Amino acid sequence: MESPSIPRQTKTQRFRSSYSLRSSSSYRDLSKRKSLRSFQTFRRQLHAVLLGRFGMQTREFVLPLRPISKARPRSFQGQARPYMPVTYKNWIKDARMHLSEWWVDEPLEHVQMMYVNFYGPARGDLDNRVGSLLDAMNGLVIKDDNVNVLPRMRLSFTKTKTAEACIVIRLVWGEDE
């Protein structure tokens, strides 16, 4: 009986699956090293338990859109009212569509912390990028984007190819709020 031949994989092909290991509760990549990967998983589980003990809830979501900067209103001489660019309006509409699939509850009155990780090409300022995201979340996920509702944010940016661009959002809020 002849055994079927198994094509030999290169080193890159053997480890390619390790690069995309992800925790079920997080979008961020897990390490290729088994010991570090188990520590990362344990740390995430411990974090979730501690948040639960203090009456906190957390939710993480990946917005599969390229991050854009907040647009400024435009106007021409003959116009009475300024308008927002069409590309910005379309981005807000797409982001709200994705967010409405993810968030089905009432808008949050108070958020303890919001973590935002932007992945995409390096264009624009970080504060303008989060401005466009908050415009999309306003009234849908959070009641308003003022400091009474959202007192703390942690922002980060990682340069990637445009095809791999996305926004990872993690909200932490209390049950009693």
Protein backbone atom coordinates (compact mmCIF):
# COMPACT_ATOMS: atom_id res chain seq x y z
CA MET A 1 0.00 0.00 0.00
CA GLU A 2 1.38 3.32 -1.02
CA SER A 3 1.13 6.22 1.45
CA PRO A 4 0.00 9.55 0.09
CA SER A 5 2.83 12.00 -0.23
CA ILE A 6 2.67 15.00 2.04
CA PRO A 7 4.24 18.10 0.58
CA ARG A 8 7.05 19.42 2.71
CA GLN A 9 6.36 22.83 4.19
CA THR A 10 8.87 25.59 4.41
CA LYS A 11 9.72 27.15 7.77
CA THR A 12 7.55 30.19 6.99
CA GLN A 13 4.56 28.00 6.10
CA ARG A 14 4.92 25.91 9.29
CA PHE A 15 4.81 28.95 11.55
CA ARG A 16 2.29 31.03 9.59
CA SER A 17 -0.59 29.73 11.73
CA SER A 18 1.24 30.86 14.87
CA TYR A 19 1.17 34.45 13.68
CA SER A 20 -2.62 34.53 13.60
CA LEU A 21 -3.31 32.96 17.00
CA ARG A 22 -5.91 35.07 18.72
CA SER A 23 -7.69 34.84 22.00
CA SER A 24 -11.45 34.52 21.79
CA SER A 25 -11.80 37.60 24.00
CA SER A 26 -9.27 39.80 22.26
CA TYR A 27 -8.25 40.87 18.78
CA ARG A 28 -4.58 41.31 19.65
CA ASP A 29 -2.21 38.60 18.50
CA LEU A 30 -1.00 36.01 20.92
CA SER A 31 2.68 35.17 21.07
CA LYS A 32 4.23 32.35 19.05
CA ARG A 33 6.01 31.09 22.18
CA LYS A 34 3.84 28.65 24.11
CA SER A 35 4.88 29.83 27.58
CA LEU A 36 4.22 33.48 26.78
CA ARG A 37 0.96 32.62 25.01
CA SER A 38 -0.34 30.76 28.08
CA PHE A 39 0.65 33.72 30.28
CA GLN A 40 -1.18 36.14 27.97
CA THR A 41 -4.32 34.00 28.06
CA PHE A 42 -4.14 33.69 31.87
CA ARG A 43 -3.65 37.44 32.24
CA ARG A 44 -6.71 38.19 30.11
CA GLN A 45 -8.85 35.73 32.07
CA LEU A 46 -7.65 37.17 35.40
CA HIS A 47 -8.38 40.71 34.18
CA ALA A 48 -11.96 39.69 33.23
CA VAL A 49 -12.52 38.06 36.66
CA LEU A 50 -11.22 41.10 38.55
CA LEU A 51 -13.39 43.46 36.52
CA GLY A 52 -16.41 41.26 37.28
CA ARG A 53 -15.68 41.32 41.02
CA PHE A 54 -15.70 45.11 41.08
CA GLY A 55 -18.96 45.28 39.12
CA MET A 56 -17.28 46.34 35.89
CA GLN A 57 -18.11 45.15 32.41
CA THR A 58 -15.95 45.18 29.32
CA ARG A 59 -16.57 44.68 25.65
CA GLU A 60 -14.14 44.63 22.73
CA PHE A 61 -14.90 45.14 19.07
CA VAL A 62 -12.95 45.30 15.81
CA LEU A 63 -14.16 47.93 13.37
CA PRO A 64 -12.98 46.68 9.95
CA LEU A 65 -12.54 50.13 8.44
CA ARG A 66 -9.49 52.21 7.62
CA PRO A 67 -9.09 54.91 10.30
CA ILE A 68 -9.63 58.41 8.95
CA SER A 69 -9.15 61.84 10.45
CA LYS A 70 -12.08 63.98 11.47
CA ALA A 71 -13.01 66.28 8.62
CA ARG A 72 -13.54 70.01 8.96
CA PRO A 73 -16.76 71.55 7.68
CA ARG A 74 -16.34 73.07 4.21
CA SER A 75 -18.17 75.94 2.57
CA PHE A 76 -17.98 77.92 -0.62
CA GLN A 77 -18.83 81.58 -1.14
CA GLY A 78 -22.42 81.08 -2.28
CA GLN A 79 -23.41 78.59 0.42
CA ALA A 80 -25.32 79.57 3.51
CA ARG A 81 -24.31 76.51 5.58
CA PRO A 82 -21.01 74.64 5.76
CA TYR A 83 -21.08 70.95 4.84
CA MET A 84 -19.02 67.86 5.66
CA PRO A 85 -17.12 66.08 2.83
CA VAL A 86 -18.91 63.10 1.26
CA THR A 87 -16.11 60.63 2.07
CA TYR A 88 -16.35 61.52 5.77
CA LYS A 89 -20.14 61.17 5.77
CA ASN A 90 -19.87 57.75 4.09
CA TRP A 91 -17.23 56.61 6.60
CA ILE A 92 -19.44 57.67 9.52
CA LYS A 93 -22.40 55.83 7.99
CA ASP A 94 -20.34 52.63 7.52
CA ALA A 95 -18.89 52.86 11.03
CA ARG A 96 -22.35 53.37 12.57
CA MET A 97 -23.62 50.36 10.64
CA HIS A 98 -20.84 48.15 12.05
CA LEU A 99 -21.25 49.59 15.54
CA SER A 100 -25.03 49.04 15.51
CA GLU A 101 -24.45 45.35 14.77
CA TRP A 102 -22.03 45.16 17.70
CA TRP A 103 -23.87 47.33 20.21
CA VAL A 104 -27.57 46.53 20.70
CA ASP A 105 -27.95 47.99 24.22
CA GLU A 106 -28.87 51.53 25.19
CA PRO A 107 -26.08 54.13 24.91
CA LEU A 108 -23.82 54.20 27.97
CA GLU A 109 -24.28 57.11 30.39
CA HIS A 110 -20.72 56.78 31.80
CA VAL A 111 -17.66 54.86 30.59
CA GLN A 112 -14.74 54.25 32.96
CA MET A 113 -12.13 53.77 30.22
CA MET A 114 -11.97 53.43 26.46
CA TYR A 115 -8.99 51.79 24.77
CA VAL A 116 -8.59 52.43 21.05
CA ASN A 117 -5.92 50.84 18.85
CA PHE A 118 -5.70 52.18 15.30
CA TYR A 119 -4.09 50.02 12.61
CA GLY A 120 -3.48 51.58 9.20
CA PRO A 121 -1.32 53.85 7.05
CA ALA A 122 0.41 56.72 8.86
CA ARG A 123 -1.61 59.77 7.84
CA GLY A 124 -3.25 62.34 10.10
CA ASP A 125 -3.15 63.04 13.81
CA LEU A 126 -4.25 60.61 16.50
CA ASP A 127 -6.65 63.11 18.09
CA ASN A 128 -8.38 63.67 14.73
CA ARG A 129 -8.72 59.93 14.17
CA VAL A 130 -10.40 59.41 17.53
CA GLY A 131 -12.64 62.39 16.76
CA SER A 132 -14.12 60.64 13.75
CA LEU A 133 -14.60 57.44 15.79
CA LEU A 134 -16.37 59.34 18.59
CA ASP A 135 -18.63 61.02 16.01
CA ALA A 136 -19.69 57.55 14.86
CA MET A 137 -20.19 56.26 18.44
CA ASN A 138 -22.08 59.35 19.64
CA GLY A 139 -25.69 58.53 20.54
CA LEU A 140 -25.26 54.88 19.56
CA VAL A 141 -22.69 53.37 21.94
CA ILE A 142 -22.08 56.31 24.27
CA LYS A 143 -24.59 59.00 25.20
CA ASP A 144 -22.20 61.83 24.36
CA ASP A 145 -18.47 62.25 23.87
CA ASN A 146 -17.93 64.88 26.57
CA VAL A 147 -15.67 64.37 29.61
CA ASN A 148 -18.59 63.58 31.96
CA VAL A 149 -19.44 60.47 29.93
CA LEU A 150 -15.94 59.52 28.76
CA PRO A 151 -13.31 60.78 31.22
CA ARG A 152 -10.37 58.55 30.17
CA MET A 153 -9.07 57.15 26.89
CA ARG A 154 -5.94 55.29 25.94
CA LEU A 155 -4.98 55.61 22.27
CA SER A 156 -2.37 53.82 20.23
CA PHE A 157 -1.44 53.59 16.58
CA THR A 158 0.32 50.83 14.65
CA LYS A 159 1.41 51.38 11.07
CA THR A 160 0.12 48.64 8.76
CA LYS A 161 -0.80 48.22 5.12
CA THR A 162 -4.09 49.71 3.99
CA ALA A 163 -5.52 46.22 3.37
CA GLU A 164 -4.91 45.31 7.03
CA ALA A 165 -6.33 48.55 8.45
CA CYS A 166 -8.85 48.36 11.30
CA ILE A 167 -9.78 49.92 14.63
CA VAL A 168 -9.90 47.91 17.86
CA ILE A 169 -12.13 49.39 20.56
CA ARG A 170 -12.43 48.18 24.16
CA LEU A 171 -14.89 49.79 26.57
CA VAL A 172 -14.90 49.35 30.35
CA TRP A 173 -17.92 50.54 32.33
CA GLY A 174 -19.61 49.93 35.66
CA GLU A 175 -22.97 48.22 36.12
CA ASP A 176 -24.28 50.85 38.53
CA GLU A 177 -23.63 53.72 36.14
